[in-house]
């Protein structure tokens, strides 16, 4: 095929994995596939800022989710038989994008969300955003220093949570590579 034979039509619909699961596969189908229920875990959904914004575009797509009171990740946690934690900071920014320019601000943003989840009895946090996952998992020591309080909360990337509930082992989904201890989540406490 020569370069002149390539063309684009602009007809593809791009969807985040979270909304592809919900809209294309369906939460009822997800429920049927659960082999390792997450019922022993209080899971704090952290939407972050990119997944639910820009709000004016987001409200038109993805089932008209309200970006100020999102529910999609909570619904996925329910489908996986986990217990979604309701807390105020779940749709805030993790601070990843200002890490290099304003480190203190970045740590406060992440710290507010992590500690809010902890204070609302979360056993772990889950996020559909890889940048939020990176920030929330790897910076907990420095966040704790800035916040004046230890932070020890496992943070999973959303596909890891789904895989765990569908029967994958902790090793298969790479929980042993997390900075914050995230092993032994698939056994009841």
Protein backbone atom coordinates (compact mmCIF):
# COMPACT_ATOMS: atom_id res chain seq x y z
CA UNK A 1 0.00 0.00 0.00
CA UNK A 2 1.41 3.35 -0.98
CA UNK A 3 1.10 6.46 1.14
CA UNK A 4 -1.33 8.03 -1.35
CA UNK A 5 -3.74 5.09 -0.75
CA UNK A 6 -4.22 6.02 2.93
CA UNK A 7 -7.18 8.08 3.89
CA UNK A 8 -9.04 8.93 7.05
CA UNK A 9 -12.76 9.24 7.35
CA UNK A 10 -13.04 10.56 10.91
CA UNK A 11 -15.77 8.08 11.76
CA UNK A 12 -14.19 6.32 14.74
CA UNK A 13 -15.64 6.96 18.15
CA UNK A 14 -12.96 7.14 20.80
CA UNK A 15 -14.07 6.00 24.22
CA UNK A 16 -12.30 5.62 27.53
CA UNK A 17 -12.03 2.00 28.71
CA UNK A 18 -14.39 2.76 31.64
CA UNK A 19 -17.16 3.86 29.29
CA UNK A 20 -16.45 1.10 26.80
CA UNK A 21 -17.03 -1.43 29.59
CA UNK A 22 -20.24 0.28 30.70
CA UNK A 23 -21.71 1.30 27.34
CA UNK A 24 -20.45 -1.43 25.01
CA UNK A 25 -20.11 -4.50 27.24
CA UNK A 26 -22.57 -3.65 30.01
CA UNK A 27 -22.42 -3.83 33.78
CA UNK A 28 -24.77 -6.83 33.87
CA UNK A 29 -22.31 -8.77 31.70
CA UNK A 30 -19.47 -7.69 33.99
CA UNK A 31 -21.41 -8.95 37.05
CA UNK A 32 -21.81 -12.36 35.42
CA UNK A 33 -18.03 -12.66 34.93
CA UNK A 34 -17.02 -11.90 38.55
CA UNK A 35 -15.23 -14.89 40.06
CA UNK A 36 -13.48 -13.10 42.92
CA UNK A 37 -16.00 -10.68 44.44
CA UNK A 38 -14.49 -7.54 45.96
CA UNK A 39 -17.17 -7.47 48.68
CA UNK A 40 -14.59 -7.33 51.48
CA UNK A 41 -13.11 -4.07 50.15
CA UNK A 42 -14.17 -0.46 50.60
CA UNK A 43 -12.99 1.06 47.33
CA UNK A 44 -12.59 4.81 46.87
CA UNK A 45 -13.25 5.73 43.24
CA UNK A 46 -10.95 8.54 42.11
CA UNK A 47 -12.15 9.96 38.80
CA UNK A 48 -9.46 12.63 38.54
CA UNK A 49 -9.90 15.59 36.25
CA UNK A 50 -9.22 14.31 32.72
CA UNK A 51 -11.68 11.44 32.68
CA UNK A 52 -14.68 13.66 33.43
CA UNK A 53 -13.73 16.92 31.72
CA UNK A 54 -14.26 19.08 29.69
CA UNK A 55 -17.67 19.02 31.29
CA UNK A 56 -19.62 20.51 28.38
CA UNK A 57 -18.41 17.74 26.07
CA UNK A 58 -18.63 15.00 28.65
CA UNK A 59 -22.26 15.66 29.47
CA UNK A 60 -23.15 14.91 25.85
CA UNK A 61 -21.23 11.63 25.77
CA UNK A 62 -20.85 8.60 28.01
CA UNK A 63 -24.45 8.35 29.15
CA UNK A 64 -24.63 12.01 30.11
CA UNK A 65 -22.56 11.58 33.25
CA UNK A 66 -22.52 14.64 35.46
CA UNK A 67 -18.83 15.59 35.77
CA UNK A 68 -19.51 17.23 39.14
CA UNK A 69 -21.18 14.13 40.58
CA UNK A 70 -19.85 11.22 38.53
CA UNK A 71 -21.18 7.72 39.14
CA UNK A 72 -19.69 5.49 36.43
CA UNK A 73 -16.71 4.23 38.41
CA UNK A 74 -18.92 3.74 41.48
CA UNK A 75 -21.25 1.62 39.31
CA UNK A 76 -18.34 -0.48 38.07
CA UNK A 77 -17.20 -1.07 41.66
CA UNK A 78 -20.76 -2.18 42.48
CA UNK A 79 -20.76 -4.56 39.51
CA UNK A 80 -17.52 -6.09 40.80
CA UNK A 81 -19.25 -6.51 44.18
CA UNK A 82 -17.00 -3.98 45.91
CA UNK A 83 -18.19 -1.29 48.28
CA UNK A 84 -17.79 2.17 46.73
CA UNK A 85 -16.66 4.83 49.19
CA UNK A 86 -18.45 8.14 48.90
CA UNK A 87 -16.11 11.05 49.61
CA UNK A 88 -15.92 14.66 48.50
CA UNK A 89 -12.55 14.56 46.69
CA UNK A 90 -13.30 11.80 44.20
CA UNK A 91 -13.60 14.15 41.23
CA UNK A 92 -10.71 16.48 42.07
CA UNK A 93 -7.29 16.79 40.43
CA UNK A 94 -4.44 14.59 41.67
CA UNK A 95 -1.84 17.28 41.03
CA UNK A 96 0.24 15.27 38.53
CA UNK A 97 0.46 18.07 35.99
CA UNK A 98 1.91 20.62 38.41
CA UNK A 99 4.41 18.24 40.04
CA UNK A 100 7.46 19.89 38.46
CA UNK A 101 6.27 23.49 38.62
CA UNK A 102 4.57 23.55 42.03
CA UNK A 103 5.54 20.44 43.95
CA UNK A 104 3.94 21.54 47.22
CA UNK A 105 0.60 22.26 45.51
CA UNK A 106 0.77 18.91 43.75
CA UNK A 107 1.34 17.05 47.01
CA UNK A 108 -1.52 18.91 48.73
CA UNK A 109 -3.95 18.07 45.91
CA UNK A 110 -3.04 14.38 46.01
CA UNK A 111 -2.92 14.38 49.81
CA UNK A 112 -6.37 15.88 50.15
CA UNK A 113 -7.84 13.13 47.98
CA UNK A 114 -5.93 10.27 49.58
CA UNK A 115 -6.64 11.36 53.15
CA UNK A 116 -10.28 12.05 52.34
CA UNK A 117 -10.56 8.46 51.09
CA UNK A 118 -8.75 7.12 54.18
CA UNK A 119 -10.95 9.18 56.51
CA UNK A 120 -14.00 7.65 54.85
CA UNK A 121 -12.77 4.08 55.54
CA UNK A 122 -11.31 3.20 52.14
CA UNK A 123 -9.23 0.03 51.95
CA UNK A 124 -7.92 1.08 48.56
CA UNK A 125 -8.37 3.69 45.86
CA UNK A 126 -8.99 2.99 42.18
CA UNK A 127 -8.61 5.38 39.27
CA UNK A 128 -9.21 5.10 35.53
CA UNK A 129 -6.38 7.60 34.89
CA UNK A 130 -2.80 6.31 34.54
CA UNK A 131 -1.41 9.70 35.62
CA UNK A 132 -3.52 9.72 38.77
CA UNK A 133 -2.43 6.15 39.45
CA UNK A 134 1.22 7.10 39.09
CA UNK A 135 0.91 10.17 41.32
CA UNK A 136 -1.21 8.54 44.01
CA UNK A 137 0.83 5.33 44.24
CA UNK A 138 4.40 6.57 43.96
CA UNK A 139 4.36 9.82 45.94
CA UNK A 140 2.67 8.78 49.18
CA UNK A 141 5.80 9.24 51.31
CA UNK A 142 6.35 12.83 50.17
CA UNK A 143 2.60 13.52 50.30
CA UNK A 144 2.58 12.34 53.91
CA UNK A 145 5.41 14.70 54.80
CA UNK A 146 3.63 17.68 53.24
CA UNK A 147 0.29 16.74 54.81
CA UNK A 148 1.84 16.01 58.23
CA UNK A 149 0.26 12.57 58.33
CA UNK A 150 1.22 9.11 57.13
CA UNK A 151 -0.50 8.01 53.96
CA UNK A 152 -0.66 4.29 53.25
CA UNK A 153 -3.41 3.49 50.80
CA UNK A 154 -3.07 1.00 47.95
CA UNK A 155 -4.01 2.59 44.61
CA UNK A 156 -5.05 0.46 41.66
CA UNK A 157 -5.43 1.40 38.05
CA UNK A 158 -9.00 0.58 37.01
CA UNK A 159 -8.12 -2.35 34.69
CA UNK A 160 -6.26 -3.98 37.61
CA UNK A 161 -9.39 -3.84 39.76
CA UNK A 162 -11.49 -5.36 36.98
CA UNK A 163 -8.92 -8.10 36.37
CA UNK A 164 -8.72 -8.90 40.09
CA UNK A 165 -12.50 -9.39 40.29
CA UNK A 166 -12.45 -11.50 37.13
CA UNK A 167 -10.04 -13.94 38.74
CA UNK A 168 -6.57 -12.77 37.71
CA UNK A 169 -3.86 -13.18 40.30
CA UNK A 170 -2.12 -10.26 41.97
CA UNK A 171 1.08 -11.25 40.16
CA UNK A 172 -0.67 -11.37 36.76
CA UNK A 173 -1.87 -7.78 37.19
CA UNK A 174 1.42 -6.49 38.58
CA UNK A 175 0.38 -5.53 42.12
CA UNK A 176 3.86 -6.51 43.30
CA UNK A 177 5.25 -3.59 41.28
CA UNK A 178 3.26 -0.94 43.11
CA UNK A 179 5.20 1.39 45.38
CA UNK A 180 2.45 1.36 48.01
CA UNK A 181 1.81 -2.21 49.15
CA UNK A 182 -1.12 -3.49 47.13
CA UNK A 183 -0.85 -7.24 47.63
CA UNK A 184 -3.29 -9.48 49.47
CA UNK A 185 -6.32 -7.55 48.19
CA UNK A 186 -8.04 -10.63 46.84
CA UNK A 187 -8.51 -12.22 50.24
CA UNK A 188 -11.04 -11.15 52.82
CA UNK A 189 -9.56 -9.18 55.68
